[in-house]
Protein backbone atom coordinates (compact mmCIF):
# COMPACT_ATOMS: atom_id res chain seq x y z
CA MET A 1 -28.39 82.25 -31.87
CA THR A 2 -25.65 82.65 -29.25
CA HIS A 3 -23.54 79.56 -28.77
CA PRO A 4 -21.93 78.70 -25.42
CA ILE A 5 -18.24 79.53 -25.12
CA LYS A 6 -15.92 76.56 -24.62
CA ALA A 7 -12.50 78.24 -24.83
CA VAL A 8 -10.74 81.60 -24.56
CA LEU A 9 -8.02 82.36 -27.12
CA TRP A 10 -5.44 85.03 -26.34
CA ASP A 11 -3.11 87.06 -28.48
CA MET A 12 0.33 87.37 -26.85
CA ASP A 13 2.25 90.57 -27.74
CA GLY A 14 0.45 93.61 -26.40
CA THR A 15 -2.42 91.55 -24.99
CA LEU A 16 -0.88 89.21 -22.40
CA ALA A 17 2.70 90.50 -22.61
CA ASP A 18 3.76 94.14 -22.48
CA SER A 19 6.25 93.42 -25.25
CA GLU A 20 5.38 95.73 -28.15
CA MET A 21 8.12 98.23 -27.30
CA LEU A 22 10.70 95.44 -27.13
CA HIS A 23 9.72 94.39 -30.66
CA LEU A 24 10.15 98.00 -31.74
CA ARG A 25 13.55 98.29 -30.03
CA THR A 26 14.82 95.17 -31.79
CA LEU A 27 13.64 96.60 -35.11
CA LEU A 28 15.36 99.94 -34.52
CA ALA A 29 18.54 98.09 -33.48
CA ALA A 30 18.45 96.02 -36.67
CA LEU A 31 18.01 99.16 -38.76
CA GLU A 32 20.85 100.88 -36.91
CA HIS A 33 22.99 97.81 -37.59
CA HIS A 34 22.42 98.62 -41.27
CA GLY A 35 23.24 102.30 -40.83
CA ILE A 36 19.62 103.49 -40.73
CA THR A 37 18.21 105.74 -38.03
CA ALA A 38 14.48 105.51 -37.31
CA GLY A 39 12.16 105.94 -34.37
CA GLU A 40 8.72 105.31 -32.92
CA GLU A 41 7.05 106.52 -36.11
CA LEU A 42 7.52 102.95 -37.35
CA HIS A 43 5.32 101.42 -34.67
CA PRO A 44 1.96 102.02 -36.40
CA LEU A 45 3.41 100.45 -39.56
CA ILE A 46 4.51 97.23 -37.87
CA PHE A 47 1.76 96.85 -35.24
CA GLY A 48 0.20 93.40 -35.40
CA LYS A 49 2.30 92.23 -38.34
CA THR A 50 4.48 89.13 -38.70
CA GLY A 51 8.26 89.35 -38.67
CA ARG A 52 8.38 88.63 -42.38
CA GLU A 53 5.90 91.42 -43.11
CA VAL A 54 7.97 93.85 -41.02
CA TYR A 55 11.07 92.83 -42.95
CA ALA A 56 9.27 93.51 -46.24
CA ILE A 57 8.22 96.97 -45.00
CA CYS A 58 11.81 97.83 -44.04
CA ARG A 59 13.21 96.40 -47.26
CA ASP A 60 10.86 98.54 -49.33
CA ARG A 61 11.10 101.67 -47.14
CA PHE A 62 14.83 101.70 -46.45
CA GLY A 63 16.32 99.54 -49.19
CA ILE A 64 17.49 96.77 -46.84
CA GLU A 65 19.43 94.24 -48.90
CA THR A 66 20.25 91.56 -46.34
CA ASP A 67 18.25 88.34 -46.65
CA TYR A 68 15.34 87.65 -44.32
CA SER A 69 17.07 84.79 -42.48
CA THR A 70 20.02 86.97 -41.45
CA TRP A 71 17.72 89.86 -40.55
CA ALA A 72 15.44 87.65 -38.43
CA LYS A 73 18.37 86.01 -36.64
CA TYR A 74 19.76 89.40 -35.59
CA ARG A 75 16.38 90.62 -34.32
CA ALA A 76 15.72 87.36 -32.46
CA HIS A 77 19.12 87.54 -30.75
CA ARG A 78 18.38 91.05 -29.52
CA TYR A 79 14.87 90.09 -28.41
CA LEU A 80 15.95 87.00 -26.48
CA GLY A 81 18.53 89.06 -24.62
CA GLU A 82 15.82 91.23 -23.08
CA ALA A 83 12.92 88.77 -23.04
CA PRO A 84 13.46 87.56 -19.43
CA ASP A 85 12.53 91.08 -18.26
CA ILE A 86 9.19 91.14 -20.10
CA GLN A 87 6.27 91.92 -17.82
CA ALA A 88 2.64 90.99 -18.23
CA ARG A 89 0.25 93.66 -19.35
CA PRO A 90 -1.29 95.04 -16.14
CA GLY A 91 -4.23 92.88 -15.13
CA ALA A 92 -3.87 90.42 -18.01
CA LEU A 93 -2.60 87.44 -16.03
CA GLU A 94 -5.22 87.97 -13.35
CA VAL A 95 -7.92 87.57 -16.00
CA TYR A 96 -6.08 84.61 -17.53
CA ARG A 97 -5.97 82.91 -14.11
CA MET A 98 -9.64 83.72 -13.54
CA VAL A 99 -10.51 81.85 -16.73
CA GLN A 100 -8.18 79.01 -15.75
CA ALA A 101 -9.82 78.72 -12.32
CA ARG A 102 -13.18 78.21 -14.00
CA GLY A 103 -11.78 75.18 -15.83
CA MET A 104 -12.11 76.82 -19.24
CA PRO A 105 -9.56 75.71 -21.89
CA GLN A 106 -7.33 78.48 -23.20
CA ALA A 107 -4.88 78.89 -26.07
CA ILE A 108 -2.40 81.53 -27.16
CA VAL A 109 -2.33 82.60 -30.81
CA SER A 110 0.57 84.78 -31.91
CA ASN A 111 2.04 86.29 -35.07
CA ALA A 112 5.51 85.93 -33.53
CA SER A 113 7.91 83.12 -34.34
CA ARG A 114 7.94 80.03 -32.15
CA MET A 115 11.24 81.08 -30.56
CA LEU A 116 9.93 84.49 -29.49
CA LEU A 117 6.57 83.12 -28.39
CA GLU A 118 8.28 80.60 -26.13
CA ALA A 119 10.46 83.37 -24.69
CA ASN A 120 7.31 85.31 -23.81
CA LEU A 121 5.68 82.25 -22.28
CA ARG A 122 8.76 81.69 -20.10
CA ALA A 123 8.86 85.34 -19.01
CA LEU A 124 5.21 85.20 -17.93
CA SER A 125 5.50 81.71 -16.40
CA LEU A 126 2.80 80.40 -18.73
CA GLN A 127 4.61 77.35 -20.09
CA GLU A 128 2.48 74.30 -19.37
CA PRO A 129 2.56 70.87 -21.05
CA GLN A 130 -1.10 71.02 -22.07
CA LEU A 131 -1.14 74.62 -23.30
CA VAL A 132 -2.11 75.03 -26.95
CA SER A 133 -0.10 77.80 -28.58
CA ILE A 134 0.12 78.83 -32.21
CA SER A 135 3.08 80.76 -33.63
CA ALA A 136 3.97 82.08 -37.08
CA ASN A 137 5.93 78.84 -37.60
CA ASP A 138 2.77 76.76 -37.25
CA VAL A 139 0.76 78.30 -40.09
CA ARG A 140 1.17 79.21 -43.74
CA ARG A 141 -0.33 82.66 -43.32
CA GLY A 142 -0.31 84.87 -40.25
CA LYS A 143 -2.95 87.27 -39.01
CA PRO A 144 -5.09 88.89 -40.45
CA ASP A 145 -5.58 85.51 -42.16
CA PRO A 146 -7.83 83.34 -39.95
CA GLU A 147 -5.61 80.23 -40.23
CA ALA A 148 -3.93 80.61 -36.83
CA TYR A 149 -7.23 80.92 -34.99
CA GLU A 150 -8.77 78.10 -36.98
CA ARG A 151 -5.82 75.88 -36.07
CA ALA A 152 -6.16 76.72 -32.37
CA ALA A 153 -9.85 75.76 -32.45
CA TYR A 154 -8.99 72.51 -34.24
CA LEU A 155 -6.37 71.59 -31.64
CA LEU A 156 -8.78 72.37 -28.80
CA GLY A 157 -11.46 70.25 -30.45
CA ILE A 158 -14.03 73.03 -30.65
CA ALA A 159 -15.94 74.83 -33.37
CA ALA A 160 -14.92 78.41 -34.19
CA HIS A 161 -18.19 79.82 -32.82
CA GLU A 162 -17.43 78.19 -29.45
CA ALA A 163 -14.33 80.39 -28.92
CA ILE A 164 -13.95 83.95 -27.70
CA VAL A 165 -10.76 85.84 -28.55
CA VAL A 166 -8.91 88.63 -26.72
CA GLU A 167 -6.85 90.89 -29.01
CA ASP A 168 -5.16 94.26 -28.72
CA SER A 169 -4.77 94.90 -32.47
CA PRO A 170 -7.30 95.38 -35.26
CA THR A 171 -5.18 93.01 -37.38
CA GLY A 172 -5.54 90.15 -34.92
CA ALA A 173 -9.18 90.92 -34.26
CA SER A 174 -9.92 90.78 -37.99
CA ALA A 175 -8.29 87.35 -38.16
CA ALA A 176 -10.52 86.04 -35.38
CA ILE A 177 -13.64 87.57 -36.93
CA ALA A 178 -12.74 85.94 -40.26
CA ALA A 179 -12.44 82.62 -38.40
CA GLY A 180 -16.01 83.03 -37.14
CA MET A 181 -15.15 83.77 -33.51
CA ARG A 182 -16.39 86.34 -31.04
CA VAL A 183 -13.77 88.96 -30.18
CA LEU A 184 -13.02 91.28 -27.29
CA GLY A 185 -10.75 94.11 -28.40
CA TRP A 186 -8.48 95.44 -25.65
CA PRO A 187 -6.43 98.25 -27.24
CA ALA A 188 -3.28 99.40 -25.45
CA GLU A 189 -4.43 103.03 -25.59
CA PRO A 190 -8.20 102.83 -25.10
CA ALA A 191 -8.45 106.54 -24.39
CA SER A 192 -6.83 107.52 -27.68
CA GLU A 193 -9.08 109.05 -30.29
CA ASP A 194 -11.03 106.51 -32.39
CA ALA A 195 -9.27 103.50 -30.78
CA ALA A 196 -12.48 101.48 -30.84
CA ARG A 197 -13.33 102.51 -34.40
CA ARG A 198 -10.17 100.89 -35.71
CA PHE A 199 -11.60 97.48 -34.92
CA HIS A 200 -14.05 95.47 -37.01
CA PRO A 201 -17.63 96.52 -36.14
CA ALA A 202 -18.33 93.06 -34.70
CA VAL A 203 -15.60 93.48 -32.04
CA GLN A 204 -16.63 94.42 -28.51
CA THR A 205 -13.95 96.75 -27.12
CA VAL A 206 -12.96 97.06 -23.48
CA SER A 207 -10.70 99.64 -21.86
CA SER A 208 -9.26 97.82 -18.84
CA ALA A 209 -8.58 94.42 -17.35
CA ARG A 210 -11.61 94.92 -15.12
CA GLU A 211 -13.84 95.55 -18.14
CA LEU A 212 -12.30 92.52 -19.84
CA ALA A 213 -13.10 90.31 -16.86
CA VAL A 214 -16.67 91.62 -16.77
CA ALA A 215 -17.09 91.04 -20.52
CA LEU A 216 -15.75 87.49 -20.25
CA GLY A 217 -17.61 86.64 -17.05
CA PRO A 218 -21.05 85.76 -18.46
CA ASN A 219 -19.40 83.58 -21.10
CA LEU A 220 -17.46 81.46 -18.63
CA ALA A 221 -20.03 78.87 -17.77
CA SER A 222 -18.29 75.91 -16.15
CA PRO A 223 -17.64 73.18 -18.72
CA ALA A 224 -19.79 70.09 -18.48
């Protein structure tokens, strides 16, 4: 049985905001601050992970000895310095506004800290008093745990099966699937080999904002 959709839940980094490379630059800057040179080979290792998980990867891989609080503060400072220049992923805000125009509730569910999520919201002019947003500070466990998506559904007053999620990462998509939600996977490099196969089999993948809008369209029945 297919249940009617009552809300659209969005990931932020890489889905709404073209911010993945900024996260990588702040990581490389933090490593350089500790005398370690690294490059884009780290991106697949950190993609979709929380800041604390990235810290643990770097600690184990490079022997970082500084505590997490100091590490996170340095990265956040670097991120906030560049955050005002963050652009939306091409086509993403047009789809977001399309959903908004239909009167459909939306929420943003991120693995980033509250500070960085708010910086992204400001950069994309998405800060609104009624907007439900979930950050890493609002849950005990980040994606791929379903807690963040479950919390968003709770705050919107809907059941999990009444939400559809838009995610660019297999990690985030798995979290939404575990929460019992339908998922549209929108990978950043849809033409890359096996991009779709990286997602959970239940995820419907799209390759452009146009395809995303088409996939969402039939689900956006006007709320009663």
